[in-house]
Amino acid sequence: MSYDLAVWYPSRLLSDEEALKQYQELCNEIIGDLEPHTSIDAFYLELSSVHPEIDDVPEDKIGDFDFSPWSVEHDRSDRHILMSCVWSRSDYVYDFVLKLAKKHGLAVFDPQLTKIHYPNV
């Protein structure tokens, strides 16, 4: 079981239900409703510098979820990032991603709670 989060640039405010629909579209590789933004790349670079993607984990760190809590490779474009982490690290990843997204001016959607978080709201 994994814990999932999505990040995108909030060019407009969505309700939690609208954000769920946006998330479902992202899961189906439909990204046209989102605006490309340089903050996505900046967020990704900082995220992966702290916790490398699962495919970039050195052999001696495989299974070290403090080093890399991800359960699968991120799904990303210049418009979004979908992340899945192991459930045991969900609280930490949730807090870490929220803080990092706020720093970069990005929205975070939590599909487990059907809740969108905006950086300045």
Foldseek 3Di string as FASTA:
>chain_A
DWFKKKKFAPPDDDFLVVVLVQVVCVVVVNQVVFDQDPLQVVLVVVVCVQANFPVPDDPVCVVVCNNHQFPHGWDDDSGMIMTIGHPVCVVVVVVVSLVSCLVSQMWMAGPVVSDIDGNPD
